[in-house]
Amino acid sequence: MRDERFPSDAPKLDPIWMVIPTYNEADNVAVLTQRVLSALPSAHLVIVDDNSPDGTAEVVLKIAQEDNRVHLLFRPAKLGYASAVMTGLKFALSHGAQIEGYMDADLSHDPQALPSLLTAVQNGADIAIGSRYVAGGSAVGWLWRRKTFSQSANWLVRCLLRLPIRDSTSGFRLFCREALERLQLERLQVSGYAFQFVSAAMAIGEGLKVVEVPITFRERKFGRSKMSWRLIAEAVTVLFKIAWWRRTGHWLGTPVLKVGE
């Protein structure tokens, strides 16, 4: 079972690596792995599991033993979504990845959209975001309350941070290597989904080219959502903090972002 020490036995110089954070996704991860590798046969998957009690890591380990495109990073405790994404991206970069990305493990992000995201990066985008809120995008299976909340949150982020991005909270993204190296996402110390809009704001602030690609987002069928009121509170706090810092012109120079500061 691999850990965060970044083992040296993974293949070098593979062009596309997808990071998938997992916590209690045993019912979804095998299907997702098969679908991603069918959509992008040359891709590698880095699955970062935070000691899921439902046996997610054991499912992934079995797959990894049979397919060297699948890599398990096992972490001994639940350390958070953003941390898992950055751990996986760092692993991919350390093994020569030229294009890296991340997506959810619950099958809400359709792997069939990956070729479109990849094409956007190959055509010059620094970052391609799978977007529910551009023409052709949609969210299926949501109650009206959740859809209204998501759309309102994106509107608020767009207005306060002055972002030309309609779905800055999307967790379905591809990056070129140079964009990740320039962003230095390890500066961020947010544990949850604020990571999405903060990293999007950083990208725009750094002058990177961000392209939104329409996707169909589907509500999960198995398992439970990881969203909580604590994560929502963190996101709101971070959003207003960054909005204030943008007004003073200081936030991009801040090496660390902590909710409590």
Protein backbone atom coordinates (compact mmCIF):
# COMPACT_ATOMS: atom_id res chain seq x y z
CA MET A 1 0.00 0.00 0.00
CA ARG A 2 1.57 3.30 -1.07
CA ASP A 3 1.75 6.35 1.17
CA GLU A 4 2.64 10.03 0.88
CA ARG A 5 6.35 9.42 0.62
CA PHE A 6 6.00 9.31 -3.17
CA PRO A 7 7.42 5.91 -4.15
CA SER A 8 9.86 5.72 -7.04
CA ASP A 9 8.31 2.68 -8.75
CA ALA A 10 5.63 4.59 -10.71
CA PRO A 11 6.16 5.07 -14.45
CA LYS A 12 7.90 8.26 -15.57
CA LEU A 13 6.80 10.87 -18.10
CA ASP A 14 3.19 9.81 -18.56
CA PRO A 15 1.31 12.83 -19.95
CA ILE A 16 -2.08 12.75 -18.16
CA TRP A 17 -2.62 12.02 -14.47
CA MET A 18 -6.01 12.30 -12.74
CA VAL A 19 -6.23 12.74 -8.97
CA ILE A 20 -9.28 11.29 -7.19
CA PRO A 21 -9.69 11.98 -3.46
CA THR A 22 -11.70 9.28 -1.68
CA TYR A 23 -13.41 8.79 1.64
CA ASN A 24 -15.98 6.00 1.88
CA GLU A 25 -16.32 5.51 -1.89
CA ALA A 26 -16.01 1.70 -2.04
CA ASP A 27 -19.28 1.48 -4.00
CA ASN A 28 -18.09 3.89 -6.68
CA VAL A 29 -14.33 3.76 -7.08
CA ALA A 30 -14.02 0.58 -9.17
CA VAL A 31 -16.63 1.75 -11.68
CA LEU A 32 -15.08 5.20 -11.86
CA THR A 33 -11.61 3.78 -12.44
CA GLN A 34 -12.85 1.63 -15.30
CA ARG A 35 -14.70 4.55 -16.91
CA VAL A 36 -11.78 6.97 -16.66
CA LEU A 37 -9.35 4.49 -18.19
CA SER A 38 -11.83 3.72 -20.95
CA ALA A 39 -12.16 7.43 -21.74
CA LEU A 40 -8.39 8.05 -21.55
CA PRO A 41 -6.53 4.74 -21.88
CA SER A 42 -3.12 6.40 -21.55
CA ALA A 43 -4.01 8.16 -18.30
CA HIS A 44 -2.80 7.35 -14.81
CA LEU A 45 -5.03 7.61 -11.75
CA VAL A 46 -3.78 8.75 -8.36
CA ILE A 47 -6.37 7.79 -5.76
CA VAL A 48 -5.79 9.48 -2.41
CA ASP A 49 -7.68 7.70 0.34
CA ASP A 50 -8.00 9.05 3.88
CA ASN A 51 -8.33 5.71 5.67
CA SER A 52 -11.93 5.09 4.59
CA PRO A 53 -13.64 2.75 7.07
CA ASP A 54 -15.70 1.19 4.26
CA GLY A 55 -12.65 -0.43 2.65
CA THR A 56 -12.16 1.95 -0.28
CA ALA A 57 -8.37 1.58 -0.07
CA GLU A 58 -8.60 -2.21 -0.25
CA VAL A 59 -10.69 -1.97 -3.43
CA VAL A 60 -8.19 0.43 -5.00
CA LEU A 61 -5.19 -1.63 -3.91
CA LYS A 62 -6.59 -4.70 -5.67
CA ILE A 63 -7.06 -2.71 -8.87
CA ALA A 64 -3.58 -1.18 -8.59
CA GLN A 65 -2.00 -4.61 -8.25
CA GLU A 66 -3.53 -5.58 -11.60
CA ASP A 67 -3.11 -2.27 -13.47
CA ASN A 68 0.03 -0.14 -13.20
CA ARG A 69 -1.90 2.93 -14.34
CA VAL A 70 -3.62 3.06 -10.93
CA HIS A 71 -1.74 4.36 -7.87
CA LEU A 72 -2.98 4.40 -4.29
CA LEU A 73 -1.80 7.01 -1.81
CA PHE A 74 -3.06 5.90 1.58
CA ARG A 75 -3.23 8.44 4.37
CA PRO A 76 -3.77 7.32 7.97
CA ALA A 77 -6.49 9.84 8.82
CA LYS A 78 -9.11 12.11 7.29
CA LEU A 79 -6.97 15.12 6.41
CA GLY A 80 -9.35 16.98 4.12
CA TYR A 81 -10.34 17.38 0.49
CA ALA A 82 -7.93 20.15 -0.49
CA SER A 83 -5.01 18.39 1.14
CA ALA A 84 -5.85 15.18 -0.72
CA VAL A 85 -5.99 16.99 -4.07
CA MET A 86 -2.66 18.71 -3.50
CA THR A 87 -1.04 15.46 -2.32
CA GLY A 88 -2.15 13.74 -5.52
CA LEU A 89 -1.07 16.60 -7.77
CA LYS A 90 2.34 16.71 -6.10
CA PHE A 91 2.71 12.98 -6.69
CA ALA A 92 1.82 13.39 -10.37
CA LEU A 93 4.24 16.27 -10.84
CA SER A 94 7.03 14.33 -9.14
CA HIS A 95 6.55 11.56 -11.69
CA GLY A 96 6.77 13.74 -14.76
CA ALA A 97 3.11 14.46 -15.51
CA GLN A 98 2.62 17.12 -18.17
CA ILE A 99 -1.15 17.40 -17.76
CA GLU A 100 -2.76 16.81 -14.37
CA GLY A 101 -6.30 17.06 -13.11
CA TYR A 102 -8.75 16.04 -10.45
CA MET A 103 -12.36 14.92 -10.20
CA ASP A 104 -14.82 13.53 -7.68
CA ALA A 105 -15.04 9.82 -6.88
CA ASP A 106 -18.83 9.62 -6.61
CA LEU A 107 -19.56 9.35 -10.38
CA SER A 108 -21.04 12.85 -10.45
CA HIS A 109 -18.34 13.84 -12.95
CA ASP A 110 -18.71 11.91 -16.19
CA PRO A 111 -15.33 10.59 -17.41
CA GLN A 112 -16.63 10.87 -20.97
CA ALA A 113 -16.08 14.63 -20.63
CA LEU A 114 -12.35 14.14 -20.06
CA PRO A 115 -11.38 14.17 -23.76
CA SER A 116 -13.08 17.56 -24.14
CA LEU A 117 -11.21 18.96 -21.14
CA LEU A 118 -7.98 17.51 -22.50
CA THR A 119 -8.58 19.07 -25.92
CA ALA A 120 -9.05 22.48 -24.28
CA VAL A 121 -5.65 22.20 -22.56
CA GLN A 122 -3.97 20.88 -25.69
CA ASN A 123 -5.39 23.85 -27.59
CA GLY A 124 -3.78 26.37 -25.28
CA ALA A 125 -5.79 26.58 -22.05
CA ASP A 126 -3.72 26.63 -18.88
CA ILE A 127 -6.71 25.28 -16.95
CA ALA A 128 -9.87 23.59 -18.21
CA ILE A 129 -12.84 23.55 -15.83
CA GLY A 130 -15.79 21.20 -16.27
CA SER A 131 -18.65 23.67 -15.96
CA ARG A 132 -22.31 23.16 -15.10
CA TYR A 133 -23.16 26.78 -15.80
CA VAL A 134 -22.04 27.51 -19.34
CA ALA A 135 -24.06 26.75 -22.45
CA GLY A 136 -24.44 22.98 -22.77
CA GLY A 137 -23.72 22.31 -19.10
CA SER A 138 -26.25 21.06 -16.56
CA ALA A 139 -26.82 19.46 -13.16
CA VAL A 140 -29.11 16.41 -13.10
CA GLY A 141 -30.85 14.93 -10.08
CA TRP A 142 -30.59 17.93 -7.77
CA LEU A 143 -33.42 19.25 -5.65
CA TRP A 144 -34.25 22.86 -6.49
CA ARG A 145 -32.81 24.01 -3.16
CA ARG A 146 -29.38 22.58 -3.87
CA LYS A 147 -29.37 23.92 -7.41
CA THR A 148 -30.37 27.39 -6.18
CA PHE A 149 -27.69 27.29 -3.48
CA SER A 150 -24.97 26.27 -5.96
CA GLN A 151 -25.95 28.87 -8.54
CA SER A 152 -26.18 31.58 -5.88
CA ALA A 153 -22.78 30.64 -4.46
CA ASN A 154 -21.17 30.87 -7.88
CA TRP A 155 -22.86 34.20 -8.54
CA LEU A 156 -21.57 35.54 -5.23
CA VAL A 157 -18.02 34.34 -5.92
CA ARG A 158 -18.13 35.81 -9.41
CA CYS A 159 -19.29 39.19 -8.14
CA LEU A 160 -17.11 39.53 -5.04
CA LEU A 161 -13.93 38.25 -6.65
CA ARG A 162 -14.68 39.65 -10.13
CA LEU A 163 -14.03 36.34 -11.82
CA PRO A 164 -14.93 35.67 -15.47
CA ILE A 165 -15.81 32.09 -14.49
CA ARG A 166 -19.36 30.82 -14.18
CA ASP A 167 -18.57 27.62 -12.26
CA SER A 168 -15.68 28.47 -9.97
CA THR A 169 -16.79 25.80 -7.45
CA SER A 170 -16.42 22.91 -9.90
CA GLY A 171 -14.08 20.13 -8.78
CA PHE A 172 -13.53 18.73 -12.29
CA ARG A 173 -10.37 20.28 -13.75
CA LEU A 174 -7.31 19.75 -15.89
CA PHE A 175 -4.09 21.79 -15.69
CA CYS A 176 -1.01 22.02 -17.81
CA ARG A 177 2.13 21.40 -15.78
CA GLU A 178 3.35 24.98 -16.08
CA ALA A 179 0.11 26.32 -14.61
CA LEU A 180 0.38 24.14 -11.50
CA GLU A 181 4.02 25.04 -11.00
CA ARG A 182 3.18 28.71 -11.31
CA LEU A 183 0.17 28.59 -8.95
CA GLN A 184 1.99 26.81 -6.10
CA LEU A 185 -1.29 25.59 -4.62
CA GLU A 186 0.53 24.30 -1.55
CA ARG A 187 0.37 27.90 -0.29
CA LEU A 188 -3.31 27.38 0.45
CA GLN A 189 -4.41 26.11 3.83
CA VAL A 190 -8.11 25.50 3.39
CA SER A 191 -9.49 22.10 4.22
CA GLY A 192 -12.60 22.00 2.06
CA TYR A 193 -14.27 23.19 -1.10
CA ALA A 194 -13.13 26.79 -0.77
CA PHE A 195 -10.06 25.37 -2.48
CA GLN A 196 -11.98 25.46 -5.77
CA PHE A 197 -12.80 29.14 -6.00
CA VAL A 198 -9.60 30.26 -4.29
CA SER A 199 -7.45 28.40 -6.81
CA ALA A 200 -9.61 29.78 -9.65
CA ALA A 201 -9.09 33.31 -8.34
CA MET A 202 -5.36 32.68 -8.08
CA ALA A 203 -5.29 31.50 -11.69
CA ILE A 204 -7.06 34.62 -12.94
CA GLY A 205 -4.84 36.80 -10.78
CA GLU A 206 -1.75 35.16 -12.28
CA GLY A 207 -2.99 35.83 -15.81
CA LEU A 208 -3.53 32.17 -16.70
CA LYS A 209 -5.94 31.19 -19.45
CA VAL A 210 -8.97 29.44 -17.92
CA VAL A 211 -11.49 27.75 -20.23
CA GLU A 212 -14.84 26.35 -19.13
CA VAL A 213 -16.00 23.15 -20.84
CA PRO A 214 -19.69 22.19 -20.48
CA ILE A 215 -20.39 19.04 -18.47
CA THR A 216 -23.43 17.23 -17.14
CA PHE A 217 -23.15 16.82 -13.39
CA ARG A 218 -25.17 13.94 -11.92
CA GLU A 219 -26.11 13.51 -8.29
CA ARG A 220 -24.42 10.52 -6.64
CA LYS A 221 -26.34 7.24 -6.41
CA PHE A 222 -24.25 5.56 -3.71
CA GLY A 223 -22.66 6.88 -0.54
CA ARG A 224 -23.12 10.19 1.22
CA SER A 225 -22.11 13.71 0.29
CA LYS A 226 -19.08 15.10 2.13
CA MET A 227 -20.52 18.63 2.24
CA SER A 228 -21.14 19.94 5.76
CA TRP A 229 -22.10 23.17 7.46
CA ARG A 230 -18.53 23.46 8.72
CA LEU A 231 -17.18 23.39 5.17
CA ILE A 232 -19.81 25.88 4.04
CA ALA A 233 -18.86 28.21 6.91
CA GLU A 234 -15.19 27.90 5.96
CA ALA A 235 -15.96 28.73 2.34
CA VAL A 236 -18.00 31.82 3.25
CA THR A 237 -15.27 33.06 5.62
CA VAL A 238 -12.57 32.55 3.01
CA LEU A 239 -14.64 34.21 0.29
CA PHE A 240 -15.19 37.43 2.24
CA LYS A 241 -11.58 37.46 3.45
CA ILE A 242 -10.27 37.25 -0.12
CA ALA A 243 -12.79 39.85 -1.32
CA TRP A 244 -11.39 42.23 1.30
CA TRP A 245 -7.79 41.40 0.47
CA ARG A 246 -8.45 41.99 -3.23
CA ARG A 247 -9.63 45.50 -2.41
CA THR A 248 -6.34 46.19 -0.63
CA GLY A 249 -4.25 44.46 -3.31
CA HIS A 250 -2.42 42.18 -0.89
CA TRP A 251 -3.95 38.72 -1.12
CA LEU A 252 -1.87 37.19 -3.94
CA GLY A 253 1.28 37.93 -2.00
CA THR A 254 0.04 36.10 1.08
CA PRO A 255 1.82 32.72 1.29
CA VAL A 256 -0.75 31.08 3.58
CA LEU A 257 -4.51 31.38 3.85
CA LYS A 258 -5.98 30.31 7.19
CA VAL A 259 -9.60 30.72 8.17
CA GLY A 260 -8.74 31.78 11.69
CA GLU A 261 -6.39 34.61 10.77
